Amino acid sequence: MGAREDAELTARVRHATGARAAYPQERVQGLWSGYGEIRRYRLEDATVASVMVKDVRYPAAVSHPRGWGGGVSDRRKRRSYEVERAWYADFAPRLDPSRCRLPRCFAAGGDDHGGWMILEDLDAAGFPDRRERLDFDGAVLCLRWLAELHAAFVGTAPDGLWPVGSYWHLATRQEEWAAIEAPAIRRTAAEVDRRLNAARFHTLVHGDAKVANFCFAADGGALAAVDFQYVGGGCGMKDVAYFIGSCLDEEEQEHREADLLDAYFDALREALRDHHPDVEAAALEAEWRDLFPLAQADFYRFLVGWSPAHWKIHDYSRRVALDVVRRLDPGPA
């Protein structure tokens, strides 16, 4: 970032937070494929001691770590940052932070060259712990957060967001679909996608609900979620299937998946009673339970096209996906 850009962003931070002064501190992380960075700013004489600034800069050339660069990838990423700003402006304020915690957005903006968001520093707010794997209780805590999100937005139109949430949905991943070697998975991809999108009960999905996007309190008893670039409409099972696959190894997933699914639906029924008591909770649960393996197969389809050697591809995920494929397409694999 140039000196002029740095000064402009610092001025935005001061204005948004009411701070007397703001000082850029450590670079927390780079954004995927070189699209900018997240940096912590220290504040003086403000209501908070620090904020996180997500500074998005569109690169002249896209360099994807797995080779999926080019115009399609660039347009998808640019749109994702616009979606995230829309999420914080129009949807995040509807959530009860005591039940579905995420960072407060102080200000955001964008232009043809990139964008910026000034966000609450969750470390300072009491959520400093990041994890790569979870035990059962930690996974249930995340699923309860997802259940609260899904219940709050049942029936909500994704205006300004992705019409279909999740970063892997088929319409935006045609190059990866074409790279799939297994003919039956390629043949059934559109039908899996159609059935998920045709669900009677829709909500807003986080779209990237992996373990790394949950920030835990030091005692492990509470959490907040970040990274809403791929939030949009869809069946809640897309988040649940993706999350469970991100936090458990193969053996844990196979043996604890049913218990985790039960925990999610317990939380969802409770949240629906509070947010939408008129929704037919039993019918929603029956539909979404039927769609759960299709959501697993949908993500598996993406993985085998995008990164065939990915650690999330294992015998159990393959068996689930191929069982769905056989039900939809009895032809040769």
Protein backbone atom coordinates (compact mmCIF):
# COMPACT_ATOMS: atom_id res chain seq x y z
CA MET A 1 0.00 0.00 0.00
CA GLY A 2 1.32 3.47 -0.86
CA ALA A 3 1.75 6.24 1.67
CA ARG A 4 -1.21 8.20 0.30
CA GLU A 5 -3.51 5.17 0.41
CA ASP A 6 -2.32 4.35 3.93
CA ALA A 7 -3.06 7.89 5.09
CA GLU A 8 -6.54 7.82 3.51
CA LEU A 9 -7.37 4.53 5.19
CA THR A 10 -6.07 5.75 8.54
CA ALA A 11 -8.28 8.82 8.21
CA ARG A 12 -11.27 6.58 7.51
CA VAL A 13 -10.53 4.57 10.65
CA ARG A 14 -10.38 7.73 12.77
CA HIS A 15 -13.62 9.04 11.31
CA ALA A 16 -15.50 5.74 11.69
CA THR A 17 -14.43 5.12 15.28
CA GLY A 18 -14.24 8.69 16.59
CA ALA A 19 -10.63 8.09 17.60
CA ARG A 20 -8.27 10.99 18.14
CA ALA A 21 -5.55 8.97 16.41
CA ALA A 22 -5.21 5.62 14.63
CA TYR A 23 -2.00 3.69 14.01
CA PRO A 24 -1.62 0.72 11.65
CA GLN A 25 -0.13 -2.21 13.53
CA GLU A 26 0.63 -5.79 12.50
CA ARG A 27 -0.53 -7.40 9.30
CA VAL A 28 -2.80 -10.18 10.54
CA GLN A 29 -3.14 -12.05 7.26
CA GLY A 30 -3.16 -11.67 3.52
CA LEU A 31 -6.36 -12.09 1.55
CA TRP A 32 -6.71 -15.08 -0.78
CA SER A 33 -4.79 -14.84 -4.07
CA GLY A 34 -3.19 -11.50 -3.30
CA TYR A 35 -6.34 -9.37 -3.01
CA GLY A 36 -5.13 -7.30 -0.09
CA GLU A 37 -4.69 -7.79 3.62
CA ILE A 38 -6.23 -7.61 7.07
CA ARG A 39 -4.41 -5.26 9.45
CA ARG A 40 -4.98 -4.28 13.06
CA TYR A 41 -5.16 -0.59 13.92
CA ARG A 42 -4.48 0.74 17.41
CA LEU A 43 -6.74 3.63 18.46
CA GLU A 44 -6.42 6.51 20.90
CA ASP A 45 -9.38 8.09 22.71
CA ALA A 46 -11.99 5.82 21.12
CA THR A 47 -14.64 3.53 22.58
CA VAL A 48 -12.49 0.54 21.55
CA ALA A 49 -8.72 0.10 21.74
CA SER A 50 -8.29 -1.45 18.30
CA VAL A 51 -10.07 -2.44 15.10
CA MET A 52 -9.40 -4.78 12.21
CA VAL A 53 -9.29 -3.31 8.70
CA LYS A 54 -10.00 -5.56 5.73
CA ASP A 55 -8.28 -3.71 2.91
CA VAL A 56 -9.13 -5.17 -0.50
CA ARG A 57 -6.99 -4.27 -3.51
CA TYR A 58 -7.83 -5.81 -6.86
CA PRO A 59 -4.58 -7.13 -8.39
CA ALA A 60 -3.54 -6.46 -11.97
CA ALA A 61 -2.99 -10.21 -12.43
CA VAL A 62 -4.60 -13.03 -10.44
CA SER A 63 -2.28 -15.62 -8.91
CA HIS A 64 -4.28 -18.52 -7.50
CA PRO A 65 -2.33 -20.98 -5.28
CA ARG A 66 -4.03 -23.95 -6.99
CA GLY A 67 -3.90 -22.56 -10.50
CA TRP A 68 -7.55 -21.44 -10.79
CA GLY A 69 -6.89 -17.88 -11.92
CA GLY A 70 -8.30 -15.87 -14.79
CA GLY A 71 -11.30 -13.67 -15.40
CA VAL A 72 -13.93 -15.98 -13.89
CA SER A 73 -12.05 -16.26 -10.62
CA ASP A 74 -11.37 -12.52 -10.52
CA ARG A 75 -15.02 -11.59 -11.08
CA ARG A 76 -16.13 -14.06 -8.42
CA LYS A 77 -13.74 -12.62 -5.83
CA ARG A 78 -14.63 -9.02 -6.62
CA ARG A 79 -18.30 -9.83 -6.25
CA SER A 80 -17.61 -11.62 -2.95
CA TYR A 81 -16.27 -8.44 -1.34
CA GLU A 82 -19.31 -6.48 -2.55
CA VAL A 83 -21.52 -9.18 -1.01
CA GLU A 84 -19.70 -8.98 2.30
CA ARG A 85 -20.24 -5.23 2.51
CA ALA A 86 -23.94 -5.71 1.69
CA TRP A 87 -24.19 -8.37 4.40
CA TYR A 88 -22.83 -6.06 7.09
CA ALA A 89 -24.94 -3.11 5.93
CA ASP A 90 -28.31 -4.80 5.50
CA PHE A 91 -28.42 -8.18 7.25
CA ALA A 92 -25.95 -8.43 10.14
CA PRO A 93 -27.79 -5.76 12.19
CA ARG A 94 -30.83 -8.06 12.32
CA LEU A 95 -28.99 -10.66 14.41
CA ASP A 96 -28.97 -10.78 18.19
CA PRO A 97 -25.26 -10.64 19.16
CA SER A 98 -25.95 -12.55 22.36
CA ARG A 99 -27.03 -15.54 20.24
CA CYS A 100 -25.22 -15.13 16.92
CA ARG A 101 -22.03 -13.14 17.48
CA LEU A 102 -20.02 -11.58 14.66
CA PRO A 103 -17.84 -8.48 14.47
CA ARG A 104 -19.48 -5.08 14.41
CA CYS A 105 -18.81 -3.18 11.18
CA PHE A 106 -17.96 0.47 11.87
CA ALA A 107 -17.80 1.51 8.21
CA ALA A 108 -17.22 0.10 4.73
CA GLY A 109 -16.82 1.29 1.18
CA GLY A 110 -15.47 0.38 -2.22
CA ASP A 111 -14.64 1.52 -5.73
CA ASP A 112 -13.31 0.06 -8.99
CA HIS A 113 -9.92 -0.61 -7.40
CA GLY A 114 -11.01 -2.45 -4.27
CA GLY A 115 -12.76 -1.88 -0.98
CA TRP A 116 -12.38 -1.63 2.76
CA MET A 117 -14.20 -2.62 5.92
CA ILE A 118 -13.47 -1.43 9.45
CA LEU A 119 -14.45 -4.23 11.79
CA GLU A 120 -14.48 -4.94 15.49
CA ASP A 121 -11.31 -6.61 16.75
CA LEU A 122 -12.67 -9.93 18.01
CA ASP A 123 -9.44 -10.74 19.87
CA ALA A 124 -9.93 -7.62 21.99
CA ALA A 125 -13.64 -8.37 22.32
CA GLY A 126 -12.91 -11.67 24.06
CA PHE A 127 -12.63 -14.17 21.20
CA PRO A 128 -8.85 -14.69 20.76
CA ASP A 129 -8.75 -18.46 20.19
CA ARG A 130 -8.43 -19.99 16.68
CA ARG A 131 -8.60 -23.74 16.12
CA GLU A 132 -7.87 -26.22 13.34
CA ARG A 133 -9.83 -29.15 14.81
CA LEU A 134 -12.67 -29.36 17.30
CA ASP A 135 -13.86 -31.80 19.90
CA PHE A 136 -17.55 -32.72 19.98
CA ASP A 137 -18.56 -29.88 22.30
CA GLY A 138 -16.71 -27.31 20.20
CA ALA A 139 -18.40 -28.58 17.04
CA VAL A 140 -21.82 -28.37 18.70
CA LEU A 141 -21.11 -24.76 19.69
CA CYS A 142 -20.46 -23.87 16.04
CA LEU A 143 -23.54 -25.76 14.88
CA ARG A 144 -25.66 -23.86 17.37
CA TRP A 145 -24.33 -20.61 15.87
CA LEU A 146 -25.26 -21.85 12.39
CA ALA A 147 -28.69 -22.93 13.58
CA GLU A 148 -29.31 -19.44 14.97
CA LEU A 149 -28.24 -17.86 11.67
CA HIS A 150 -30.43 -20.17 9.62
CA ALA A 151 -33.46 -19.77 11.87
CA ALA A 152 -33.18 -15.98 11.88
CA PHE A 153 -33.26 -15.77 8.09
CA VAL A 154 -35.70 -18.51 7.07
CA GLY A 155 -37.66 -17.20 4.10
CA THR A 156 -35.44 -14.12 3.67
CA ALA A 157 -34.64 -13.05 0.12
CA PRO A 158 -30.87 -12.69 -0.45
CA ASP A 159 -31.15 -9.20 -1.94
CA GLY A 160 -27.66 -7.85 -2.60
CA LEU A 161 -26.07 -11.16 -1.60
CA TRP A 162 -25.30 -14.25 -3.68
CA PRO A 163 -28.59 -15.66 -5.04
CA VAL A 164 -27.12 -19.06 -4.21
CA GLY A 165 -24.79 -18.97 -1.23
CA SER A 166 -21.46 -20.88 -0.80
CA TYR A 167 -18.21 -20.43 -2.65
CA TRP A 168 -18.47 -23.79 -4.43
CA HIS A 169 -21.92 -23.65 -6.00
CA LEU A 170 -22.06 -25.04 -9.49
CA ALA A 171 -22.97 -21.94 -11.48
CA THR A 172 -19.72 -20.24 -10.41
CA ARG A 173 -17.52 -23.35 -10.70
CA GLN A 174 -17.88 -24.50 -14.29
CA GLU A 175 -14.13 -24.78 -14.87
CA GLU A 176 -13.76 -27.06 -11.86
CA TRP A 177 -16.80 -29.07 -12.97
CA ALA A 178 -15.23 -29.65 -16.39
CA ALA A 179 -12.04 -30.93 -14.72
CA ILE A 180 -13.80 -33.77 -12.86
CA GLU A 181 -12.53 -37.13 -14.08
CA ALA A 182 -15.44 -39.31 -12.88
CA PRO A 183 -18.21 -39.17 -15.55
CA ALA A 184 -21.07 -39.96 -13.16
CA ILE A 185 -20.13 -37.14 -10.80
CA ARG A 186 -20.05 -34.74 -13.75
CA ARG A 187 -23.38 -36.04 -15.04
CA THR A 188 -25.20 -35.71 -11.72
CA ALA A 189 -23.76 -32.37 -10.63
CA ALA A 190 -26.56 -30.32 -12.16
CA GLU A 191 -29.28 -32.49 -10.63
CA VAL A 192 -27.70 -32.32 -7.17
CA ASP A 193 -27.49 -28.55 -7.52
CA ARG A 194 -31.08 -28.33 -8.76
CA ARG A 195 -32.48 -30.34 -5.86
CA LEU A 196 -30.64 -28.26 -3.28
CA ASN A 197 -31.82 -25.02 -4.88
CA ALA A 198 -35.39 -26.31 -5.21
CA ALA A 199 -35.78 -26.87 -1.47
CA ARG A 200 -39.08 -25.60 -0.12
CA PHE A 201 -37.39 -24.11 2.94
CA HIS A 202 -34.66 -21.59 2.21
CA THR A 203 -32.58 -19.38 4.44
CA LEU A 204 -29.32 -17.46 4.25
CA VAL A 205 -26.20 -19.61 4.48
CA HIS A 206 -22.81 -18.42 5.67
CA GLY A 207 -21.21 -20.02 2.63
CA ASP A 208 -17.75 -20.65 4.10
CA ALA A 209 -18.49 -22.08 7.55
CA LYS A 210 -15.15 -23.76 8.18
CA VAL A 211 -13.41 -24.03 11.55
CA ALA A 212 -10.96 -21.26 10.67
CA ASN A 213 -13.83 -18.77 10.38
CA PHE A 214 -14.94 -19.26 13.99
CA CYS A 215 -13.24 -17.30 16.78
CA PHE A 216 -13.53 -18.80 20.26
CA ALA A 217 -13.53 -17.27 23.72
CA ALA A 218 -10.52 -18.25 25.80
CA ASP A 219 -12.62 -20.58 27.94
CA GLY A 220 -14.19 -22.21 24.87
CA GLY A 221 -17.72 -21.38 25.98
CA ALA A 222 -18.64 -18.84 23.31
CA LEU A 223 -17.69 -17.93 19.77
CA ALA A 224 -18.11 -15.46 16.94
CA ALA A 225 -17.93 -15.98 13.18
CA VAL A 226 -16.18 -14.01 10.44
CA ASP A 227 -15.78 -13.94 6.65
CA PHE A 228 -19.15 -13.38 4.97
CA GLN A 229 -17.96 -13.12 1.37
CA TYR A 230 -20.10 -16.03 0.19
CA VAL A 231 -23.28 -15.55 2.19
CA GLY A 232 -26.44 -16.04 0.16
CA GLY A 233 -29.62 -18.00 -0.28
CA GLY A 234 -29.91 -21.75 0.13
CA CYS A 235 -30.60 -24.80 2.21
CA GLY A 236 -28.93 -24.74 5.63
CA MET A 237 -27.47 -28.19 5.03
CA LYS A 238 -24.83 -26.69 2.75
CA ASP A 239 -23.28 -24.96 5.78
CA VAL A 240 -23.69 -27.98 8.04
CA ALA A 241 -22.20 -30.52 5.62
CA TYR A 242 -19.26 -28.24 4.84
CA PHE A 243 -18.64 -27.42 8.50
CA ILE A 244 -18.66 -31.02 9.72
CA GLY A 245 -16.24 -31.97 6.97
CA SER A 246 -13.91 -29.14 7.99
CA CYS A 247 -13.60 -29.92 11.69
CA LEU A 248 -13.45 -33.73 11.90
CA ASP A 249 -11.17 -36.35 10.44
CA GLU A 250 -12.62 -39.26 8.49
CA GLU A 251 -13.19 -41.61 11.43
CA GLU A 252 -14.70 -38.91 13.64
CA GLN A 253 -16.98 -37.74 10.86
CA GLU A 254 -18.32 -41.20 10.14
CA HIS A 255 -19.00 -42.02 13.78
CA ARG A 256 -20.13 -38.63 15.18
CA GLU A 257 -21.92 -37.14 12.19
CA ALA A 258 -25.40 -38.34 13.18
CA ASP A 259 -24.98 -36.99 16.73
CA LEU A 260 -23.83 -33.63 15.40
CA LEU A 261 -26.73 -33.46 12.99
CA ASP A 262 -29.13 -34.16 15.87
CA ALA A 263 -27.48 -31.38 17.91
CA TYR A 264 -27.90 -28.94 15.02
CA PHE A 265 -31.60 -29.73 14.60
CA ASP A 266 -32.19 -29.50 18.36
CA ALA A 267 -30.76 -25.98 18.23
CA LEU A 268 -32.62 -25.12 15.03
CA ARG A 269 -36.01 -26.11 16.47
CA GLU A 270 -35.34 -23.98 19.54
CA ALA A 271 -34.28 -20.97 17.44
CA LEU A 272 -37.23 -21.33 15.07
CA ARG A 273 -39.64 -21.15 18.02
CA ASP A 274 -38.16 -17.76 18.86
CA HIS A 275 -37.73 -16.32 15.37
CA HIS A 276 -40.39 -17.95 13.21
CA PRO A 277 -42.93 -19.89 15.27
CA ASP A 278 -45.18 -20.05 12.21
CA VAL A 279 -42.67 -22.13 10.22
CA GLU A 280 -43.44 -25.84 9.98
CA ALA A 281 -40.35 -26.95 11.86
CA ALA A 282 -40.99 -30.67 11.45
CA ALA A 283 -41.41 -30.34 7.68
CA LEU A 284 -38.29 -28.19 7.41
CA GLU A 285 -36.25 -30.72 9.39
CA ALA A 286 -37.49 -33.65 7.31
CA GLU A 287 -36.63 -31.88 4.07
CA TRP A 288 -33.21 -30.74 5.20
CA ARG A 289 -32.27 -34.14 6.63
CA ASP A 290 -33.08 -35.67 3.23
CA LEU A 291 -30.92 -33.02 1.55
CA PHE A 292 -27.93 -33.45 3.88
CA PRO A 293 -26.21 -36.18 1.80
CA LEU A 294 -26.84 -34.15 -1.36
CA ALA A 295 -25.10 -31.19 0.27
CA GLN A 296 -22.18 -33.50 1.08
CA ALA A 297 -22.10 -34.77 -2.51
CA ASP A 298 -22.27 -31.22 -3.83
CA PHE A 299 -19.14 -30.18 -1.94
CA TYR A 300 -17.40 -33.42 -2.88
CA ARG A 301 -18.14 -32.59 -6.55
CA PHE A 302 -16.38 -29.27 -6.12
CA LEU A 303 -13.37 -30.76 -4.36
CA VAL A 304 -12.62 -33.47 -6.90
CA GLY A 305 -12.62 -30.88 -9.67
CA TRP A 306 -10.77 -28.16 -7.78
CA SER A 307 -8.17 -30.12 -5.81
CA PRO A 308 -8.35 -33.92 -6.24
CA ALA A 309 -5.68 -34.52 -3.58
CA HIS A 310 -7.37 -32.38 -0.91
CA TRP A 311 -7.35 -33.84 2.62
CA LYS A 312 -11.16 -33.55 2.86
CA ILE A 313 -11.48 -36.21 0.17
CA HIS A 314 -11.42 -39.59 1.90
CA ASP A 315 -13.16 -42.95 1.78
CA TYR A 316 -16.17 -41.82 3.82
CA SER A 317 -16.85 -38.65 1.85
CA ARG A 318 -16.40 -40.63 -1.36
CA ARG A 319 -18.87 -43.33 -0.24
CA VAL A 320 -21.50 -40.73 0.66
CA ALA A 321 -21.09 -38.90 -2.63
CA LEU A 322 -21.14 -42.05 -4.75
CA ASP A 323 -24.24 -43.32 -2.97
CA VAL A 324 -26.02 -40.11 -3.99
CA VAL A 325 -24.67 -40.44 -7.52
CA ARG A 326 -25.92 -44.02 -7.84
CA ARG A 327 -29.41 -42.99 -6.72
CA LEU A 328 -29.50 -40.23 -9.33
CA ASP A 329 -27.61 -41.97 -12.13
CA PRO A 330 -27.48 -45.77 -12.21
CA GLY A 331 -25.17 -45.69 -15.25
CA PRO A 332 -21.43 -46.47 -15.20
CA ALA A 333 -19.28 -44.39 -12.83
